[in-house]
Amino acid sequence: MYSNKRLLERAKDSFLFFRKGIAAIGGNSLEQPTNQTGSNWQRTTILFLSSQTISLFGSSLVQYAITWYLTLREQSGVIMMLSVVFGFLPTFFLSPFAGVWADRYDRKKLIILSDAVIAISTLLLILLFLSGEGSIWALLMASAIRALGAGIQTPAVSAVLPQIVPKDKLTKVNGFNGSIQALTMLVSPMASGALLNFASLEIIFLIDVITAIAAIIILAFFLKIPSHNKATQVQENSYLTDLKLGFIYIKNQEFLKKLYSYFSLAYLLAAPVSFLTPLQVTRNYGGDVWRLTMIEVAFSLGMIIGGLIVAFWGGFKNRIHSIAFAILMMGVCTVLLGVILNFWYYSLIMALFGMVIPLLSASTIVLLQEKVPEDYLGRVFGVETMIATAMMPLGMVLFGPLADLVRIEWLLLVSGLLLFIVTLFMFNDKQLLKSGEPKENDQ
C-alpha cells in the first residue's frame, strides 16, 4: 500500500503531466495570457481537466468493483443486462433536460451538483453494506442514482471546454483529454482489482466519496469559469420552450439528424463488445480478477496511445471520415474478439479497440463544438447522451438474454459485421460527408 508521501508524489506527477501537455498544445508558457476573456486558458484547462480526472478515478473504481462483483458472483447475461439498464436509462430520461440546464445555467455549478449527487449515493451505499442490508438490488439502485448525476454532468462538461479553450486548440485538447481519461482508466481497474483482493467494497466506495469531494473543492475554490452569455441573462423563454427550441434546432439540422441516426445504430451494435466481454472472458478463460483487469488495462493503454495520436495528428481533414473510420475499426475488432481463442491475443485486440475510441469521441465532440452555436451546445450534447443511454441498454435487452442461450462469440461476430455495414453507408453519405469538411477560415 502506498504511503501518504507516495500518494502526494503521484498527484504532483499527474499535475505536471497535465501542465506539460497543455503547454505543448498551446505552444506558449502557462504564464502567457491569451485572448480568452482576459484569463489564462491553459491554467484554467489544467485545473478543470484535473478535477474531472480525480472524479473519474473514484467513479471508475466503484464501477469496476460493482461490475466485477456482479460478473464473478452471478455469471449471468440477465444480471449484466440489468446492470446496464439501471446504469443507463436514468441518464437517458434526464439528458434532454440536463442539456437545457447546461444552456440556461452556470455549467460549473451543474458539474459540482452532479459530483455531489454521485458522492451522496455512494455514501448511502456504504451505509447499507455496513448495516448488512447491501444486496444486488442496492448496487443496481446506486448505479441508477449515479447515472442521474452523470446525466447532469455530461452535457455540462462537453459544453464547458469551448468556453475556456481557443477554437483552434479544441481538437488537440480533446485528444489530450482522451489520453488523460485513458490513463485514469488504466490505473483504476488495476487499483480496483488489487483492492478487491484484500479490501471490502465499503473501502472502495469510500475512495469514490473522497475523490468526489476533492473534485468539488477544486471546482468551487480554485477554478474560475466565466458564465456563458445565456446564464447571465434574464431568461425570456420558459424551460419547456427552451427544450422545444433545442429539438427544433436539431430537427432543422440535416447533418445532426443523419449523424445521430448512424450513432443510434452504432451504439446499439456496440452493446455486446462493451458489456459482454467481461462475461466472455470469465466463461472462456476463468473467473480470475486479474484477467478482467488485464483486458481493461489493455483497452486503456490503447486509449492512451490513441488519444496522444489524435492530440498531435488531429484526425482526418474531414471529421466524418475520422468518425466513420473509427466505427469501422470497432467493427473489425469486435469480429476479431469473436474468433480469437488465445487470451493474450484477445488482450491485444482490446488494446487496438481502445486506440480508435479517442478518434471517435474527439472528432465527434469537436465537430459539434465547431458546428453548433454555443447557446445550443448543452442541448445538442444532451440529445447525443440520450441516444447513447437509450440504444446501449436496448442493445443489452436484446443481446444480454441471448448471451445465456448462445455463445457470446456469435453475438460479437454478428454485431461486428453489422457495424462494418453501417460505416459503408456513412462513407457513401455525401450530405453527411459535406458537414465534416472544415470551413475555409478554419483550415
Protein backbone atom coordinates (compact mmCIF):
# COMPACT_ATOMS: atom_id res chain seq x y z
CA MET A 1 0.00 0.00 0.00
CA TYR A 2 1.29 3.46 -0.88
CA SER A 3 2.31 5.82 1.89
CA ASN A 4 0.79 9.31 2.07
CA LYS A 5 4.06 10.74 0.80
CA ARG A 6 3.99 8.46 -2.23
CA LEU A 7 0.40 9.40 -2.99
CA LEU A 8 1.30 13.09 -2.89
CA GLU A 9 4.20 12.43 -5.26
CA ARG A 10 1.87 10.67 -7.72
CA ALA A 11 -0.59 13.55 -7.52
CA LYS A 12 2.22 16.01 -8.23
CA ASP A 13 3.39 13.93 -11.21
CA SER A 14 -0.15 13.86 -12.63
CA PHE A 15 -0.45 17.65 -12.36
CA LEU A 16 2.91 18.10 -14.11
CA PHE A 17 1.76 15.73 -16.87
CA PHE A 18 -1.31 17.93 -17.40
CA ARG A 19 0.82 21.06 -17.29
CA LYS A 20 3.35 19.90 -19.89
CA GLY A 21 0.69 18.51 -22.19
CA ILE A 22 -1.46 21.64 -22.25
CA ALA A 23 1.60 23.86 -22.57
CA ALA A 24 2.73 21.83 -25.58
CA ILE A 25 -0.71 22.18 -27.17
CA GLY A 26 -0.78 25.93 -26.61
CA GLY A 27 2.77 26.49 -27.72
CA ASN A 28 3.12 29.17 -25.01
CA SER A 29 4.22 29.29 -21.42
CA LEU A 30 1.50 28.92 -18.86
CA GLU A 31 2.04 32.45 -17.71
CA GLN A 32 1.41 33.98 -21.09
CA PRO A 33 -2.07 35.49 -21.30
CA THR A 34 -4.38 34.64 -24.17
CA ASN A 35 -7.45 36.17 -25.70
CA GLN A 36 -9.82 34.06 -23.58
CA THR A 37 -11.72 36.87 -21.84
CA GLY A 38 -8.52 38.09 -20.21
CA SER A 39 -7.89 34.78 -18.42
CA ASN A 40 -5.17 32.20 -18.69
CA TRP A 41 -6.87 29.43 -20.65
CA GLN A 42 -4.08 26.90 -20.15
CA ARG A 43 -4.16 27.11 -16.34
CA THR A 44 -7.96 27.01 -16.34
CA THR A 45 -7.94 23.97 -18.64
CA ILE A 46 -5.43 22.13 -16.44
CA LEU A 47 -7.48 22.71 -13.29
CA PHE A 48 -10.73 21.75 -14.98
CA LEU A 49 -9.37 18.54 -16.51
CA SER A 50 -7.64 17.71 -13.23
CA SER A 51 -10.90 17.97 -11.30
CA GLN A 52 -12.69 15.76 -13.81
CA THR A 53 -9.88 13.21 -13.76
CA ILE A 54 -10.00 12.95 -9.98
CA SER A 55 -13.76 12.49 -10.11
CA LEU A 56 -13.48 9.94 -12.92
CA PHE A 57 -10.91 7.91 -10.99
CA GLY A 58 -13.18 7.45 -7.99
CA SER A 59 -16.21 6.70 -10.13
CA SER A 60 -14.22 4.15 -12.15
CA LEU A 61 -13.08 2.35 -9.01
CA VAL A 62 -16.69 1.92 -7.92
CA GLN A 63 -17.96 0.99 -11.37
CA TYR A 64 -15.32 -1.71 -11.87
CA ALA A 65 -15.94 -3.05 -8.36
CA ILE A 66 -19.69 -3.29 -8.98
CA THR A 67 -19.30 -4.82 -12.47
CA TRP A 68 -16.79 -7.44 -11.40
CA TYR A 69 -18.72 -8.24 -8.22
CA LEU A 70 -21.83 -8.95 -10.30
CA THR A 71 -19.89 -10.75 -13.06
CA LEU A 72 -17.97 -13.11 -10.78
CA ARG A 73 -20.84 -13.72 -8.37
CA GLU A 74 -23.71 -14.22 -10.83
CA GLN A 75 -22.09 -15.04 -14.24
CA SER A 76 -25.45 -14.22 -15.82
CA GLY A 77 -26.26 -12.34 -19.01
CA VAL A 78 -29.57 -11.22 -17.49
CA ILE A 79 -27.83 -9.66 -14.48
CA MET A 80 -25.39 -7.89 -16.82
CA MET A 81 -28.38 -6.62 -18.78
CA LEU A 82 -30.00 -5.26 -15.60
CA SER A 83 -26.78 -3.52 -14.56
CA VAL A 84 -26.65 -1.75 -17.93
CA VAL A 85 -30.35 -0.80 -17.85
CA PHE A 86 -30.09 0.62 -14.31
CA GLY A 87 -26.83 2.36 -15.18
CA PHE A 88 -28.00 4.00 -18.41
CA LEU A 89 -31.76 4.56 -18.53
CA PRO A 90 -31.82 7.30 -15.84
CA THR A 91 -29.26 9.23 -17.89
CA PHE A 92 -31.45 8.76 -20.97
CA PHE A 93 -34.50 10.29 -19.31
CA LEU A 94 -32.57 13.16 -17.72
CA SER A 95 -30.21 14.10 -20.59
CA PRO A 96 -32.55 16.34 -22.66
CA PHE A 97 -33.49 18.29 -19.53
CA ALA A 98 -29.85 18.45 -18.41
CA GLY A 99 -28.96 19.84 -21.83
CA VAL A 100 -31.37 22.72 -21.26
CA TRP A 101 -29.85 23.31 -17.82
CA ALA A 102 -26.38 23.43 -19.38
CA ASP A 103 -27.58 26.11 -21.80
CA ARG A 104 -29.52 28.14 -19.19
CA TYR A 105 -27.42 27.97 -16.01
CA ASP A 106 -23.85 28.12 -14.76
CA ARG A 107 -22.19 24.95 -16.03
CA LYS A 108 -19.60 24.82 -13.26
CA LYS A 109 -22.33 24.72 -10.63
CA LEU A 110 -24.09 21.93 -12.52
CA ILE A 111 -20.90 19.84 -12.54
CA ILE A 112 -20.47 20.41 -8.80
CA LEU A 113 -24.10 19.38 -8.26
CA SER A 114 -23.64 16.16 -10.23
CA ASP A 115 -20.47 15.24 -8.31
CA ALA A 116 -22.36 15.83 -5.06
CA VAL A 117 -25.27 13.60 -6.15
CA ILE A 118 -22.85 10.78 -7.05
CA ALA A 119 -20.96 11.14 -3.75
CA ILE A 120 -24.18 11.05 -1.69
CA SER A 121 -25.42 7.93 -3.50
CA THR A 122 -22.10 6.18 -2.84
CA LEU A 123 -22.19 7.21 0.81
CA LEU A 124 -25.69 5.73 1.16
CA LEU A 125 -24.39 2.52 -0.42
CA ILE A 126 -21.60 2.36 2.18
CA LEU A 127 -24.13 2.71 5.00
CA LEU A 128 -26.31 -0.05 3.52
CA PHE A 129 -23.42 -2.51 3.28
CA LEU A 130 -22.14 -1.64 6.75
CA SER A 131 -25.62 -2.29 8.17
CA GLY A 132 -25.81 -5.67 6.43
CA GLU A 133 -28.53 -4.52 4.01
CA GLY A 134 -26.28 -4.50 0.94
CA SER A 135 -27.56 -6.56 -1.98
CA ILE A 136 -27.53 -6.79 -5.76
CA TRP A 137 -30.61 -4.56 -5.88
CA ALA A 138 -28.88 -1.98 -3.69
CA LEU A 139 -25.98 -1.93 -6.15
CA LEU A 140 -28.37 -1.56 -9.07
CA MET A 141 -30.26 1.31 -7.39
CA ALA A 142 -26.97 3.06 -6.58
CA SER A 143 -25.98 2.71 -10.24
CA ALA A 144 -29.28 4.36 -11.21
CA ILE A 145 -28.68 7.33 -8.88
CA ARG A 146 -25.10 7.68 -10.15
CA ALA A 147 -26.49 7.66 -13.69
CA LEU A 148 -28.68 10.66 -12.82
CA GLY A 149 -25.55 12.53 -11.72
CA ALA A 150 -23.79 11.56 -14.95
CA GLY A 151 -26.81 12.77 -16.92
CA ILE A 152 -26.42 16.23 -15.40
CA GLN A 153 -22.66 16.28 -15.75
CA THR A 154 -22.03 15.02 -19.30
CA PRO A 155 -23.60 17.84 -21.39
CA ALA A 156 -22.25 20.49 -18.98
CA VAL A 157 -18.66 19.18 -19.21
CA SER A 158 -18.80 18.92 -23.01
CA ALA A 159 -20.15 22.48 -23.29
CA VAL A 160 -17.57 24.00 -20.90
CA LEU A 161 -14.44 23.36 -22.97
CA PRO A 162 -15.36 25.75 -25.84
CA GLN A 163 -15.75 28.46 -23.16
CA ILE A 164 -12.17 28.10 -21.91
CA VAL A 165 -10.19 26.71 -24.87
CA PRO A 166 -9.40 28.64 -28.08
CA LYS A 167 -11.22 27.20 -31.07
CA ASP A 168 -8.05 26.20 -32.91
CA LYS A 169 -6.90 24.16 -29.88
CA LEU A 170 -10.14 22.20 -29.31
CA THR A 171 -9.13 19.08 -31.24
CA LYS A 172 -5.78 18.81 -29.50
CA VAL A 173 -7.21 19.48 -26.04
CA ASN A 174 -9.98 16.91 -26.58
CA GLY A 175 -7.42 14.39 -27.82
CA PHE A 176 -5.14 15.08 -24.87
CA ASN A 177 -8.10 14.81 -22.53
CA GLY A 178 -8.86 11.42 -24.06
CA SER A 179 -5.36 10.24 -23.16
CA ILE A 180 -5.69 11.54 -19.61
CA GLN A 181 -9.01 9.78 -19.20
CA ALA A 182 -7.47 6.61 -20.61
CA LEU A 183 -4.56 6.91 -18.16
CA THR A 184 -7.12 7.12 -15.37
CA MET A 185 -8.97 4.13 -16.79
CA LEU A 186 -5.64 2.28 -16.91
CA VAL A 187 -4.92 2.86 -13.23
CA SER A 188 -8.46 2.41 -11.89
CA PRO A 189 -9.08 -1.24 -12.95
CA MET A 190 -5.68 -2.26 -11.58
CA ALA A 191 -6.38 -0.42 -8.34
CA SER A 192 -9.91 -1.82 -8.15
CA GLY A 193 -8.70 -5.37 -8.84
CA ALA A 194 -5.99 -5.08 -6.20
CA LEU A 195 -8.37 -3.62 -3.63
CA LEU A 196 -10.95 -6.35 -4.23
CA ASN A 197 -8.33 -8.92 -3.16
CA PHE A 198 -7.83 -7.51 0.33
CA ALA A 199 -10.34 -4.72 0.97
CA SER A 200 -14.11 -4.64 1.29
CA LEU A 201 -16.49 -2.96 -1.13
CA GLU A 202 -17.12 -0.29 1.51
CA ILE A 203 -13.47 0.84 1.34
CA ILE A 204 -13.61 1.18 -2.44
CA PHE A 205 -16.87 3.13 -2.18
CA LEU A 206 -15.29 5.45 0.40
CA ILE A 207 -12.47 6.32 -2.02
CA ASP A 208 -15.11 7.48 -4.50
CA VAL A 209 -16.65 9.79 -1.90
CA ILE A 210 -13.24 11.30 -1.12
CA THR A 211 -12.34 11.88 -4.79
CA ALA A 212 -15.73 13.49 -5.45
CA ILE A 213 -15.19 15.90 -2.54
CA ALA A 214 -11.70 16.74 -3.86
CA ALA A 215 -13.10 17.46 -7.34
CA ILE A 216 -15.81 19.70 -5.86
CA ILE A 217 -13.22 21.67 -3.84
CA ILE A 218 -11.09 22.30 -6.94
CA LEU A 219 -14.08 23.49 -8.96
CA ALA A 220 -15.58 25.60 -6.18
CA PHE A 221 -12.49 27.32 -4.77
CA PHE A 222 -9.64 27.15 -7.30
CA LEU A 223 -11.30 27.38 -10.71
CA LYS A 224 -12.97 30.40 -12.24
CA ILE A 225 -15.01 29.73 -15.36
CA PRO A 226 -16.89 32.74 -16.75
CA SER A 227 -20.60 32.09 -17.18
CA HIS A 228 -21.71 31.78 -20.79
CA ASN A 229 -23.89 34.56 -22.15
CA LYS A 230 -27.28 32.97 -21.62
CA ALA A 231 -26.55 32.06 -17.99
CA THR A 232 -26.01 35.74 -17.17
CA GLN A 233 -29.19 36.96 -18.88
CA VAL A 234 -32.78 37.08 -17.75
CA GLN A 235 -34.43 34.03 -19.29
CA GLU A 236 -37.09 35.21 -21.72
CA ASN A 237 -38.28 31.72 -22.62
CA SER A 238 -39.75 29.15 -20.30
CA TYR A 239 -37.87 25.97 -19.53
CA LEU A 240 -40.11 23.86 -21.78
CA THR A 241 -39.81 26.42 -24.57
CA ASP A 242 -36.03 26.15 -24.46
CA LEU A 243 -36.32 22.37 -24.54
CA LYS A 244 -38.63 22.56 -27.55
CA LEU A 245 -36.35 25.04 -29.34
CA GLY A 246 -33.43 22.65 -28.84
CA PHE A 247 -35.29 19.80 -30.53
CA ILE A 248 -36.44 22.14 -33.31
CA TYR A 249 -32.83 23.22 -33.90
CA ILE A 250 -31.70 19.58 -34.18
CA LYS A 251 -34.65 18.77 -36.45
CA ASN A 252 -33.66 21.60 -38.81
CA GLN A 253 -30.00 20.49 -38.99
CA GLU A 254 -29.90 17.68 -41.53
CA PHE A 255 -26.35 16.66 -40.66
CA LEU A 256 -27.30 16.24 -36.98
CA LYS A 257 -30.25 14.02 -37.84
CA LYS A 258 -28.08 11.83 -40.06
CA LEU A 259 -25.20 11.73 -37.58
CA TYR A 260 -27.50 10.78 -34.72
CA SER A 261 -29.14 8.08 -36.85
CA TYR A 262 -25.78 6.42 -37.52
CA PHE A 263 -24.79 6.81 -33.88
CA SER A 264 -28.01 5.12 -32.80
CA LEU A 265 -27.15 2.04 -34.88
CA ALA A 266 -23.51 2.06 -33.75
CA TYR A 267 -24.40 2.32 -30.05
CA LEU A 268 -26.96 -0.47 -30.41
CA LEU A 269 -24.46 -2.79 -32.08
CA ALA A 270 -21.64 -1.88 -29.68
CA ALA A 271 -23.56 -3.27 -26.69
CA PRO A 272 -22.08 -6.81 -26.85
CA VAL A 273 -18.45 -5.72 -27.08
CA SER A 274 -18.98 -3.02 -24.45
CA PHE A 275 -20.70 -5.10 -21.79
CA LEU A 276 -20.41 -8.82 -22.52
CA THR A 277 -16.64 -9.16 -22.94
CA PRO A 278 -16.01 -9.49 -19.15
CA LEU A 279 -18.57 -12.30 -19.10
CA GLN A 280 -16.94 -13.85 -22.19
CA VAL A 281 -13.52 -13.79 -20.51
CA THR A 282 -14.94 -15.32 -17.32
CA ARG A 283 -16.57 -18.15 -19.24
CA ASN A 284 -13.70 -18.89 -21.61
CA TYR A 285 -10.56 -18.20 -19.59
CA GLY A 286 -11.62 -18.45 -15.93
CA GLY A 287 -13.08 -16.27 -13.19
CA ASP A 288 -9.84 -14.57 -12.16
CA VAL A 289 -9.94 -10.87 -11.30
CA TRP A 290 -6.51 -10.38 -12.91
CA ARG A 291 -7.90 -11.44 -16.30
CA LEU A 292 -10.73 -8.90 -16.07
CA THR A 293 -8.15 -6.33 -15.01
CA MET A 294 -5.89 -7.27 -17.90
CA ILE A 295 -8.44 -6.59 -20.64
CA GLU A 296 -9.31 -3.24 -19.07
CA VAL A 297 -5.63 -2.33 -18.80
CA ALA A 298 -5.06 -3.29 -22.44
CA PHE A 299 -8.06 -1.21 -23.53
CA SER A 300 -6.88 1.78 -21.50
CA LEU A 301 -3.31 1.56 -22.83
CA GLY A 302 -4.77 1.62 -26.33
CA MET A 303 -6.83 4.70 -25.44
CA ILE A 304 -3.75 6.48 -24.10
CA ILE A 305 -1.86 5.85 -27.32
CA GLY A 306 -4.88 6.74 -29.45
CA GLY A 307 -5.50 9.94 -27.51
CA LEU A 308 -1.92 11.09 -27.96
CA ILE A 309 -2.10 10.32 -31.67
CA VAL A 310 -5.27 12.39 -32.02
CA ALA A 311 -3.79 15.22 -29.92
CA PHE A 312 -0.82 15.64 -32.25
CA TRP A 313 -2.37 14.43 -35.53
CA GLY A 314 -5.90 15.78 -35.23
CA GLY A 315 -7.58 13.10 -37.32
CA PHE A 316 -8.54 13.21 -40.98
CA LYS A 317 -9.26 16.57 -42.57
CA ASN A 318 -12.92 15.61 -42.88
CA ARG A 319 -14.19 14.80 -39.39
CA ILE A 320 -16.83 12.41 -40.72
CA HIS A 321 -14.01 10.34 -42.24
CA SER A 322 -12.47 10.12 -38.77
CA ILE A 323 -15.79 9.09 -37.17
CA ALA A 324 -16.61 6.50 -39.85
CA PHE A 325 -13.08 5.04 -39.80
CA ALA A 326 -13.22 4.69 -36.02
CA ILE A 327 -16.57 2.84 -36.19
CA LEU A 328 -15.16 0.65 -38.98
CA MET A 329 -12.21 -0.34 -36.78
CA MET A 330 -14.61 -1.01 -33.90
CA GLY A 331 -16.42 -3.48 -36.15
CA VAL A 332 -13.17 -5.18 -37.18
CA CYS A 333 -12.03 -5.52 -33.56
CA THR A 334 -15.45 -6.83 -32.48
CA VAL A 335 -15.26 -9.60 -35.11
CA LEU A 336 -11.69 -10.49 -34.05
CA LEU A 337 -12.76 -10.74 -30.39
CA GLY A 338 -15.33 -13.28 -31.53
CA VAL A 339 -12.81 -15.58 -33.25
CA ILE A 340 -9.59 -15.31 -31.24
CA LEU A 341 -9.03 -18.11 -28.73
CA ASN A 342 -5.75 -17.05 -27.12
CA PHE A 343 -6.20 -14.73 -24.12
CA TRP A 344 -3.07 -12.65 -24.84
CA TYR A 345 -4.07 -12.05 -28.47
CA TYR A 346 -7.54 -11.22 -27.15
CA SER A 347 -5.99 -8.57 -24.90
CA LEU A 348 -4.00 -7.18 -27.83
CA ILE A 349 -7.21 -6.68 -29.84
CA MET A 350 -8.74 -4.93 -26.82
CA ALA A 351 -5.79 -2.51 -26.93
CA LEU A 352 -6.38 -1.89 -30.65
CA PHE A 353 -10.06 -1.31 -29.91
CA GLY A 354 -9.09 1.26 -27.30
CA MET A 355 -6.86 3.11 -29.76
CA VAL A 356 -9.77 4.10 -32.02
CA ILE A 357 -12.08 5.37 -29.26
CA PRO A 358 -10.32 8.79 -28.85
CA LEU A 359 -10.54 9.32 -32.61
CA LEU A 360 -14.29 8.71 -32.48
CA SER A 361 -15.00 10.76 -29.36
CA ALA A 362 -12.68 13.71 -30.09
CA SER A 363 -13.83 14.02 -33.71
CA THR A 364 -17.50 13.94 -32.68
CA ILE A 365 -17.09 16.44 -29.85
CA VAL A 366 -15.07 18.91 -31.94
CA LEU A 367 -17.46 18.58 -34.91
CA LEU A 368 -20.37 19.57 -32.68
CA GLN A 369 -18.38 22.29 -30.90
CA GLU A 370 -17.46 23.81 -34.27
CA LYS A 371 -20.83 23.49 -35.99
CA VAL A 372 -23.32 24.20 -33.19
CA PRO A 373 -23.87 27.71 -31.72
CA GLU A 374 -22.85 28.00 -28.06
CA ASP A 375 -26.42 28.66 -26.92
CA TYR A 376 -27.47 25.22 -28.19
CA LEU A 377 -24.40 23.17 -27.25
CA GLY A 378 -25.77 21.83 -23.98
CA ARG A 379 -29.00 20.62 -25.58
CA VAL A 380 -27.20 19.06 -28.56
CA PHE A 381 -24.79 17.18 -26.29
CA GLY A 382 -27.74 16.25 -24.09
CA VAL A 383 -29.54 14.61 -27.01
CA GLU A 384 -26.36 12.77 -28.00
CA THR A 385 -26.08 11.42 -24.45
CA MET A 386 -29.76 10.48 -24.56
CA ILE A 387 -29.18 8.44 -27.73
CA ALA A 388 -26.22 6.59 -26.25
CA THR A 389 -28.01 5.86 -23.00
CA ALA A 390 -31.08 4.58 -24.85
CA MET A 391 -29.52 2.44 -27.56
CA MET A 392 -26.90 0.65 -25.45
CA PRO A 393 -29.42 -0.59 -22.84
CA LEU A 394 -31.73 -1.52 -25.73
CA GLY A 395 -28.86 -3.49 -27.22
CA MET A 396 -28.32 -5.26 -23.91
CA VAL A 397 -32.05 -6.06 -23.63
CA LEU A 398 -31.55 -7.91 -26.92
CA PHE A 399 -28.05 -9.33 -26.52
CA GLY A 400 -27.95 -9.86 -22.72
CA PRO A 401 -30.52 -12.67 -22.51
CA LEU A 402 -29.13 -14.15 -25.76
CA ALA A 403 -25.76 -14.47 -24.04
CA ASP A 404 -27.33 -17.14 -21.81
CA LEU A 405 -28.63 -19.04 -24.84
CA VAL A 406 -25.86 -18.80 -27.44
CA ARG A 407 -22.11 -18.25 -27.29
CA ILE A 408 -21.04 -14.63 -26.87
CA GLU A 409 -18.62 -15.16 -29.78
CA TRP A 410 -21.56 -15.41 -32.18
CA LEU A 411 -23.03 -12.18 -30.85
CA LEU A 412 -19.70 -10.42 -31.40
CA LEU A 413 -19.40 -11.75 -34.95
CA VAL A 414 -22.89 -10.60 -35.96
CA SER A 415 -22.68 -7.16 -34.30
CA GLY A 416 -19.17 -6.56 -35.71
CA LEU A 417 -20.25 -7.33 -39.27
CA LEU A 418 -23.27 -5.05 -38.91
CA LEU A 419 -21.01 -2.21 -37.65
CA PHE A 420 -18.96 -2.67 -40.82
CA ILE A 421 -22.12 -2.26 -42.94
CA VAL A 422 -23.06 0.94 -41.04
CA THR A 423 -19.71 2.51 -41.97
CA LEU A 424 -20.21 1.66 -45.66
CA PHE A 425 -23.35 3.81 -45.63
CA MET A 426 -21.50 6.61 -43.77
CA PHE A 427 -18.64 6.70 -46.28
CA ASN A 428 -21.18 7.00 -49.10
CA ASP A 429 -23.43 9.62 -47.50
CA LYS A 430 -22.42 12.75 -49.44
CA GLN A 431 -24.57 15.11 -47.37
CA LEU A 432 -23.04 13.88 -44.12
CA LEU A 433 -19.51 14.00 -45.56
CA LYS A 434 -20.06 17.62 -46.58
CA SER A 435 -20.83 18.54 -42.96
CA GLY A 436 -17.48 17.14 -41.87
CA GLU A 437 -15.46 19.36 -44.18
CA PRO A 438 -13.57 22.18 -42.39
CA LYS A 439 -14.60 25.76 -43.06
CA GLU A 440 -12.19 27.72 -45.20
CA ASN A 441 -11.30 30.07 -42.35
CA ASP A 442 -10.53 27.09 -40.10
CA GLN A 443 -8.06 25.44 -42.44
